[in-house]
């Protein structure tokens, strides 16, 4: 089981918070989420493929931020 002190866990929390904040106000993204925002269209395309009955604008903002972060980690982090 991962500890709450695990640096990866802390980074995910921080990324989620920044992504959710950006989604809420659509302000200029902070550098830490720039790569996620850069790939947001491709990430959202993946969500649309696997959740065809859920339009992006109808998905809860918290859930959407989690989905985007998870897909970004799976597809773009090596």
PDB file of N, CA and C in Angstrom:
ATOM      1  N   UNK A   1       0.843  -1.182   0.000  1.00  0.00           N
ATOM      2  CA  UNK A   1       0.000   0.000   0.000  1.00  0.00           C
ATOM      3  C   UNK A   1       0.888   1.245   0.000  1.00  0.00           C
ATOM      4  N   UNK A   2       0.497   2.209  -0.784  1.00  0.00           N
ATOM      5  CA  UNK A   2       1.292   3.425  -0.890  1.00  0.00           C
ATOM      6  C   UNK A   2       1.090   4.322   0.328  1.00  0.00           C
ATOM      7  N   UNK A   3       2.165   4.908   0.750  1.00  0.00           N
ATOM      8  CA  UNK A   3       2.125   5.839   1.873  1.00  0.00           C
ATOM      9  C   UNK A   3       1.685   7.207   1.375  1.00  0.00           C
ATOM     10  N   UNK A   4       1.047   7.971   2.226  1.00  0.00           N
ATOM     11  CA  UNK A   4       0.667   9.333   1.854  1.00  0.00           C
ATOM     12  C   UNK A   4       1.895  10.211   1.668  1.00  0.00           C
ATOM     13  N   UNK A   5       3.041   9.724   2.097  1.00  0.00           N
ATOM     14  CA  UNK A   5       4.274  10.481   1.938  1.00  0.00           C
ATOM     15  C   UNK A   5       4.972  10.159   0.616  1.00  0.00           C
ATOM     16  N   UNK A   6       4.417   9.202  -0.126  1.00  0.00           N
ATOM     17  CA  UNK A   6       4.985   8.823  -1.415  1.00  0.00           C
ATOM     18  C   UNK A   6       4.993  10.048  -2.334  1.00  0.00           C
ATOM     19  N   UNK A   7       6.148  10.414  -2.882  1.00  0.00           N
ATOM     20  CA  UNK A   7       6.225  11.606  -3.733  1.00  0.00           C
ATOM     21  C   UNK A   7       5.314  11.534  -4.961  1.00  0.00           C
ATOM     22  N   UNK A   8       5.105  10.336  -5.500  1.00  0.00           N
ATOM     23  CA  UNK A   8       4.210  10.208  -6.662  1.00  0.00           C
ATOM     24  C   UNK A   8       2.770  10.522  -6.269  1.00  0.00           C
ATOM     25  N   UNK A   9       2.388  10.087  -5.087  1.00  0.00           N
ATOM     26  CA  UNK A   9       1.043  10.357  -4.578  1.00  0.00           C
ATOM     27  C   UNK A   9       0.842  11.863  -4.386  1.00  0.00           C
ATOM     28  N   UNK A  10       1.822  12.500  -3.782  1.00  0.00           N
ATOM     29  CA  UNK A  10       1.752  13.952  -3.572  1.00  0.00           C
ATOM     30  C   UNK A  10       1.680  14.696  -4.902  1.00  0.00           C
ATOM     31  N   UNK A  11       2.464  14.247  -5.881  1.00  0.00           N
ATOM     32  CA  UNK A  11       2.461  14.916  -7.182  1.00  0.00           C
ATOM     33  C   UNK A  11       1.107  14.762  -7.862  1.00  0.00           C
ATOM     34  N   UNK A  12       0.508  13.561  -7.770  1.00  0.00           N
ATOM     35  CA  UNK A  12      -0.816  13.357  -8.367  1.00  0.00           C
ATOM     36  C   UNK A  12      -1.854  14.273  -7.725  1.00  0.00           C
ATOM     37  N   UNK A  13      -1.788  14.406  -6.429  1.00  0.00           N
ATOM     38  CA  UNK A  13      -2.724  15.300  -5.734  1.00  0.00           C
ATOM     39  C   UNK A  13      -2.548  16.729  -6.238  1.00  0.00           C
ATOM     40  N   UNK A  14      -1.309  17.169  -6.325  1.00  0.00           N
ATOM     41  CA  UNK A  14      -1.029  18.531  -6.787  1.00  0.00           C
ATOM     42  C   UNK A  14      -1.478  18.722  -8.241  1.00  0.00           C
ATOM     43  N   UNK A  15      -1.188  17.756  -9.107  1.00  0.00           N
ATOM     44  CA  UNK A  15      -1.619  17.843 -10.503  1.00  0.00           C
ATOM     45  C   UNK A  15      -3.139  17.899 -10.600  1.00  0.00           C
ATOM     46  N   UNK A  16      -3.818  17.058  -9.824  1.00  0.00           N
ATOM     47  CA  UNK A  16      -5.277  17.062  -9.832  1.00  0.00           C
ATOM     48  C   UNK A  16      -5.821  18.425  -9.406  1.00  0.00           C
ATOM     49  N   UNK A  17      -5.281  18.972  -8.336  1.00  0.00           N
ATOM     50  CA  UNK A  17      -5.746  20.270  -7.845  1.00  0.00           C
ATOM     51  C   UNK A  17      -5.558  21.359  -8.896  1.00  0.00           C
ATOM     52  N   UNK A  18      -4.414  21.370  -9.540  1.00  0.00           N
ATOM     53  CA  UNK A  18      -4.140  22.391 -10.558  1.00  0.00           C
ATOM     54  C   UNK A  18      -5.024  22.197 -11.787  1.00  0.00           C
ATOM     55  N   UNK A  19      -5.217  20.947 -12.194  1.00  0.00           N
ATOM     56  CA  UNK A  19      -6.062  20.664 -13.353  1.00  0.00           C
ATOM     57  C   UNK A  19      -7.512  21.041 -13.069  1.00  0.00           C
ATOM     58  N   UNK A  20      -7.996  20.715 -11.885  1.00  0.00           N
ATOM     59  CA  UNK A  20      -9.362  21.066 -11.509  1.00  0.00           C
ATOM     60  C   UNK A  20      -9.533  22.583 -11.452  1.00  0.00           C
ATOM     61  N   UNK A  21      -8.566  23.274 -10.890  1.00  0.00           N
ATOM     62  CA  UNK A  21      -8.630  24.741 -10.818  1.00  0.00           C
ATOM     63  C   UNK A  21      -8.642  25.342 -12.215  1.00  0.00           C
ATOM     64  N   UNK A  22      -7.798  24.823 -13.093  1.00  0.00           N
ATOM     65  CA  UNK A  22      -7.764  25.326 -14.475  1.00  0.00           C
ATOM     66  C   UNK A  22      -9.108  25.100 -15.148  1.00  0.00           C
ATOM     67  N   UNK A  23      -9.679  23.918 -14.969  1.00  0.00           N
ATOM     68  CA  UNK A  23     -10.964  23.589 -15.581  1.00  0.00           C
ATOM     69  C   UNK A  23     -12.067  24.504 -15.051  1.00  0.00           C
ATOM     70  N   UNK A  24     -11.982  24.875 -13.797  1.00  0.00           N
ATOM     71  CA  UNK A  24     -13.021  25.705 -13.185  1.00  0.00           C
ATOM     72  C   UNK A  24     -13.015  27.134 -13.705  1.00  0.00           C
ATOM     73  N   UNK A  25     -11.839  27.696 -13.923  1.00  0.00           N
ATOM     74  CA  UNK A  25     -11.772  29.108 -14.311  1.00  0.00           C
ATOM     75  C   UNK A  25     -11.185  29.342 -15.699  1.00  0.00           C
ATOM     76  N   UNK A  26     -10.658  28.292 -16.331  1.00  0.00           N
ATOM     77  CA  UNK A  26     -10.047  28.394 -17.668  1.00  0.00           C
ATOM     78  C   UNK A  26      -9.019  29.519 -17.739  1.00  0.00           C
ATOM     79  N   UNK A  27      -8.257  29.647 -16.678  1.00  0.00           N
ATOM     80  CA  UNK A  27      -7.198  30.653 -16.657  1.00  0.00           C
ATOM     81  C   UNK A  27      -5.963  30.093 -17.363  1.00  0.00           C
ATOM     82  N   UNK A  28      -4.930  30.888 -17.427  1.00  0.00           N
ATOM     83  CA  UNK A  28      -3.674  30.424 -17.994  1.00  0.00           C
ATOM     84  C   UNK A  28      -3.166  29.273 -17.131  1.00  0.00           C
ATOM     85  N   UNK A  29      -2.907  28.112 -17.757  1.00  0.00           N
ATOM     86  CA  UNK A  29      -2.474  26.972 -16.944  1.00  0.00           C
ATOM     87  C   UNK A  29      -1.090  27.171 -16.352  1.00  0.00           C
ATOM     88  N   UNK A  30      -0.908  26.650 -15.166  1.00  0.00           N
ATOM     89  CA  UNK A  30       0.411  26.694 -14.541  1.00  0.00           C
ATOM     90  C   UNK A  30       1.325  25.717 -15.278  1.00  0.00           C
ATOM     91  N   UNK A  31       2.620  25.967 -15.246  1.00  0.00           N
ATOM     92  CA  UNK A  31       3.556  25.105 -15.989  1.00  0.00           C
ATOM     93  C   UNK A  31       3.456  23.621 -15.641  1.00  0.00           C
ATOM     94  N   UNK A  32       3.082  23.303 -14.415  1.00  0.00           N
ATOM     95  CA  UNK A  32       3.037  21.899 -14.007  1.00  0.00           C
ATOM     96  C   UNK A  32       1.984  21.103 -14.788  1.00  0.00           C
ATOM     97  N   UNK A  33       0.928  21.754 -15.274  1.00  0.00           N
ATOM     98  CA  UNK A  33      -0.097  21.039 -16.042  1.00  0.00           C
ATOM     99  C   UNK A  33      -0.063  21.385 -17.526  1.00  0.00           C
ATOM    100  N   UNK A  34       0.951  22.092 -17.951  1.00  0.00           N
ATOM    101  CA  UNK A  34       1.037  22.510 -19.352  1.00  0.00           C
ATOM    102  C   UNK A  34       0.985  21.315 -20.302  1.00  0.00           C
ATOM    103  N   UNK A  35       1.683  20.229 -19.982  1.00  0.00           N
ATOM    104  CA  UNK A  35       1.703  19.059 -20.863  1.00  0.00           C
ATOM    105  C   UNK A  35       0.327  18.400 -20.948  1.00  0.00           C
ATOM    106  N   UNK A  36      -0.406  18.397 -19.855  1.00  0.00           N
ATOM    107  CA  UNK A  36      -1.763  17.832 -19.879  1.00  0.00           C
ATOM    108  C   UNK A  36      -2.649  18.682 -20.782  1.00  0.00           C
ATOM    109  N   UNK A  37      -2.590  19.993 -20.615  1.00  0.00           N
ATOM    110  CA  UNK A  37      -3.415  20.906 -21.407  1.00  0.00           C
ATOM    111  C   UNK A  37      -3.043  20.820 -22.886  1.00  0.00           C
ATOM    112  N   UNK A  38      -1.760  20.675 -23.153  1.00  0.00           N
ATOM    113  CA  UNK A  38      -1.286  20.565 -24.536  1.00  0.00           C
ATOM    114  C   UNK A  38      -1.920  19.358 -25.232  1.00  0.00           C
ATOM    115  N   UNK A  39      -2.205  18.307 -24.494  1.00  0.00           N
ATOM    116  CA  UNK A  39      -2.757  17.071 -25.053  1.00  0.00           C
ATOM    117  C   UNK A  39      -4.233  16.873 -24.719  1.00  0.00           C
ATOM    118  N   UNK A  40      -4.899  17.922 -24.281  1.00  0.00           N
ATOM    119  CA  UNK A  40      -6.272  17.791 -23.781  1.00  0.00           C
ATOM    120  C   UNK A  40      -7.241  17.274 -24.852  1.00  0.00           C
ATOM    121  N   UNK A  41      -7.064  17.672 -26.101  1.00  0.00           N
ATOM    122  CA  UNK A  41      -7.973  17.202 -27.155  1.00  0.00           C
ATOM    123  C   UNK A  41      -7.838  15.704 -27.384  1.00  0.00           C
ATOM    124  N   UNK A  42      -6.605  15.200 -27.398  1.00  0.00           N
ATOM    125  CA  UNK A  42      -6.392  13.766 -27.571  1.00  0.00           C
ATOM    126  C   UNK A  42      -6.907  12.994 -26.351  1.00  0.00           C
ATOM    127  N   UNK A  43      -6.703  13.553 -25.175  1.00  0.00           N
ATOM    128  CA  UNK A  43      -7.181  12.914 -23.945  1.00  0.00           C
ATOM    129  C   UNK A  43      -8.707  12.858 -23.948  1.00  0.00           C
ATOM    130  N   UNK A  44      -9.347  13.965 -24.296  1.00  0.00           N
ATOM    131  CA  UNK A  44     -10.810  13.994 -24.343  1.00  0.00           C
ATOM    132  C   UNK A  44     -11.351  13.050 -25.415  1.00  0.00           C
ATOM    133  N   UNK A  45     -10.626  12.882 -26.508  1.00  0.00           N
ATOM    134  CA  UNK A  45     -11.037  11.924 -27.546  1.00  0.00           C
ATOM    135  C   UNK A  45     -11.076  10.509 -26.983  1.00  0.00           C
ATOM    136  N   UNK A  46     -10.092  10.169 -26.161  1.00  0.00           N
ATOM    137  CA  UNK A  46     -10.076   8.847 -25.530  1.00  0.00           C
ATOM    138  C   UNK A  46     -11.262   8.685 -24.583  1.00  0.00           C
ATOM    139  N   UNK A  47     -11.580   9.716 -23.850  1.00  0.00           N
ATOM    140  CA  UNK A  47     -12.733   9.652 -22.942  1.00  0.00           C
ATOM    141  C   UNK A  47     -14.008   9.433 -23.750  1.00  0.00           C
ATOM    142  N   UNK A  48     -14.155  10.147 -24.862  1.00  0.00           N
ATOM    143  CA  UNK A  48     -15.346  10.007 -25.715  1.00  0.00           C
ATOM    144  C   UNK A  48     -15.477   8.598 -26.276  1.00  0.00           C
ATOM    145  N   UNK A  49     -14.353   7.970 -26.607  1.00  0.00           N
ATOM    146  CA  UNK A  49     -14.380   6.605 -27.142  1.00  0.00           C
ATOM    147  C   UNK A  49     -14.896   5.622 -26.094  1.00  0.00           C
ATOM    148  N   UNK A  50     -14.414   5.758 -24.865  1.00  0.00           N
ATOM    149  CA  UNK A  50     -14.748   4.785 -23.829  1.00  0.00           C
ATOM    150  C   UNK A  50     -15.973   5.155 -22.995  1.00  0.00           C
ATOM    151  N   UNK A  51     -16.490   6.352 -23.180  1.00  0.00           N
ATOM    152  CA  UNK A  51     -17.718   6.768 -22.485  1.00  0.00           C
ATOM    153  C   UNK A  51     -18.621   7.491 -23.483  1.00  0.00           C
ATOM    154  N   UNK A  52     -19.068   6.772 -24.523  1.00  0.00           N
ATOM    155  CA  UNK A  52     -19.817   7.437 -25.599  1.00  0.00           C
ATOM    156  C   UNK A  52     -21.154   8.040 -25.168  1.00  0.00           C
ATOM    157  N   UNK A  53     -21.725   7.540 -24.086  1.00  0.00           N
ATOM    158  CA  UNK A  53     -23.017   8.067 -23.630  1.00  0.00           C
ATOM    159  C   UNK A  53     -22.864   9.257 -22.692  1.00  0.00           C
ATOM    160  N   UNK A  54     -21.613   9.654 -22.428  1.00  0.00           N
ATOM    161  CA  UNK A  54     -21.344  10.759 -21.513  1.00  0.00           C
ATOM    162  C   UNK A  54     -20.594  11.863 -22.249  1.00  0.00           C
ATOM    163  N   UNK A  55     -21.295  12.886 -22.728  1.00  0.00           N
ATOM    164  CA  UNK A  55     -20.585  14.017 -23.346  1.00  0.00           C
ATOM    165  C   UNK A  55     -19.650  14.674 -22.325  1.00  0.00           C
ATOM    166  N   UNK A  56     -18.517  15.159 -22.797  1.00  0.00           N
ATOM    167  CA  UNK A  56     -17.507  15.758 -21.921  1.00  0.00           C
ATOM    168  C   UNK A  56     -18.117  16.836 -21.028  1.00  0.00           C
ATOM    169  N   UNK A  57     -18.997  17.658 -21.578  1.00  0.00           N
ATOM    170  CA  UNK A  57     -19.559  18.760 -20.789  1.00  0.00           C
ATOM    171  C   UNK A  57     -20.578  18.294 -19.742  1.00  0.00           C
ATOM    172  N   UNK A  58     -20.959  17.013 -19.767  1.00  0.00           N
ATOM    173  CA  UNK A  58     -21.901  16.477 -18.779  1.00  0.00           C
ATOM    174  C   UNK A  58     -21.200  15.673 -17.682  1.00  0.00           C
ATOM    175  N   UNK A  59     -19.908  15.413 -17.852  1.00  0.00           N
ATOM    176  CA  UNK A  59     -19.161  14.666 -16.839  1.00  0.00           C
ATOM    177  C   UNK A  59     -18.819  15.610 -15.693  1.00  0.00           C
ATOM    178  N   UNK A  60     -19.024  15.143 -14.486  1.00  0.00           N
ATOM    179  CA  UNK A  60     -18.693  15.913 -13.290  1.00  0.00           C
ATOM    180  C   UNK A  60     -17.246  16.401 -13.384  1.00  0.00           C
ATOM    181  N   UNK A  61     -16.997  17.645 -13.015  1.00  0.00           N
ATOM    182  CA  UNK A  61     -15.658  18.254 -13.155  1.00  0.00           C
ATOM    183  C   UNK A  61     -14.579  17.503 -12.375  1.00  0.00           C
ATOM    184  N   UNK A  62     -14.922  16.997 -11.201  1.00  0.00           N
ATOM    185  CA  UNK A  62     -13.943  16.221 -10.424  1.00  0.00           C
ATOM    186  C   UNK A  62     -13.605  14.935 -11.177  1.00  0.00           C
ATOM    187  N   UNK A  63     -14.642  14.230 -11.628  1.00  0.00           N
ATOM    188  CA  UNK A  63     -14.426  12.988 -12.368  1.00  0.00           C
ATOM    189  C   UNK A  63     -13.644  13.238 -13.653  1.00  0.00           C
ATOM    190  N   UNK A  64     -13.977  14.313 -14.345  1.00  0.00           N
ATOM    191  CA  UNK A  64     -13.285  14.636 -15.586  1.00  0.00           C
ATOM    192  C   UNK A  64     -11.808  14.925 -15.334  1.00  0.00           C
ATOM    193  N   UNK A  65     -11.511  15.648 -14.294  1.00  0.00           N
ATOM    194  CA  UNK A  65     -10.108  15.936 -13.966  1.00  0.00           C
ATOM    195  C   UNK A  65      -9.345  14.656 -13.639  1.00  0.00           C
ATOM    196  N   UNK A  66      -9.988  13.752 -12.910  1.00  0.00           N
ATOM    197  CA  UNK A  66      -9.350  12.473 -12.580  1.00  0.00           C
ATOM    198  C   UNK A  66      -9.124  11.652 -13.845  1.00  0.00           C
ATOM    199  N   UNK A  67     -10.132  11.580 -14.704  1.00  0.00           N
ATOM    200  CA  UNK A  67      -9.987  10.840 -15.962  1.00  0.00           C
ATOM    201  C   UNK A  67      -8.865  11.419 -16.820  1.00  0.00           C
ATOM    202  N   UNK A  68      -8.836  12.724 -16.951  1.00  0.00           N
ATOM    203  CA  UNK A  68      -7.796  13.363 -17.763  1.00  0.00           C
ATOM    204  C   UNK A  68      -6.406  13.086 -17.205  1.00  0.00           C
ATOM    205  N   UNK A  69      -6.261  13.195 -15.913  1.00  0.00           N
ATOM    206  CA  UNK A  69      -4.968  12.941 -15.286  1.00  0.00           C
ATOM    207  C   UNK A  69      -4.553  11.483 -15.482  1.00  0.00           C
ATOM    208  N   UNK A  70      -5.489  10.559 -15.301  1.00  0.00           N
ATOM    209  CA  UNK A  70      -5.176   9.135 -15.451  1.00  0.00           C
ATOM    210  C   UNK A  70      -4.774   8.804 -16.886  1.00  0.00           C
ATOM    211  N   UNK A  71      -5.518   9.303 -17.856  1.00  0.00           N
ATOM    212  CA  UNK A  71      -5.185   9.029 -19.256  1.00  0.00           C
ATOM    213  C   UNK A  71      -3.854   9.664 -19.618  1.00  0.00           C
ATOM    214  N   UNK A  72      -3.611  10.858 -19.145  1.00  0.00           N
ATOM    215  CA  UNK A  72      -2.320  11.511 -19.409  1.00  0.00           C
ATOM    216  C   UNK A  72      -1.176  10.670 -18.852  1.00  0.00           C
ATOM    217  N   UNK A  73      -1.328  10.176 -17.632  1.00  0.00           N
ATOM    218  CA  UNK A  73      -0.274   9.340 -17.040  1.00  0.00           C
ATOM    219  C   UNK A  73      -0.046   8.078 -17.865  1.00  0.00           C
ATOM    220  N   UNK A  74      -1.122   7.451 -18.311  1.00  0.00           N
ATOM    221  CA  UNK A  74      -0.993   6.203 -19.066  1.00  0.00           C
ATOM    222  C   UNK A  74      -0.407   6.410 -20.462  1.00  0.00           C
ATOM    223  N   UNK A  75      -0.808   7.483 -21.127  1.00  0.00           N
ATOM    224  CA  UNK A  75      -0.383   7.683 -22.516  1.00  0.00           C
ATOM    225  C   UNK A  75       0.891   8.492 -22.695  1.00  0.00           C
ATOM    226  N   UNK A  76       1.143   9.440 -21.820  1.00  0.00           N
ATOM    227  CA  UNK A  76       2.205  10.401 -22.091  1.00  0.00           C
ATOM    228  C   UNK A  76       3.382  10.360 -21.121  1.00  0.00           C
ATOM    229  N   UNK A  77       3.257   9.627 -20.040  1.00  0.00           N
ATOM    230  CA  UNK A  77       4.363   9.537 -19.082  1.00  0.00           C
ATOM    231  C   UNK A  77       5.115   8.239 -19.332  1.00  0.00           C
ATOM    232  N   UNK A  78       6.422   8.360 -19.434  1.00  0.00           N
ATOM    233  CA  UNK A  78       7.243   7.171 -19.688  1.00  0.00           C
ATOM    234  C   UNK A  78       8.058   6.832 -18.475  1.00  0.00           C
TER     235      UNK A  78
END
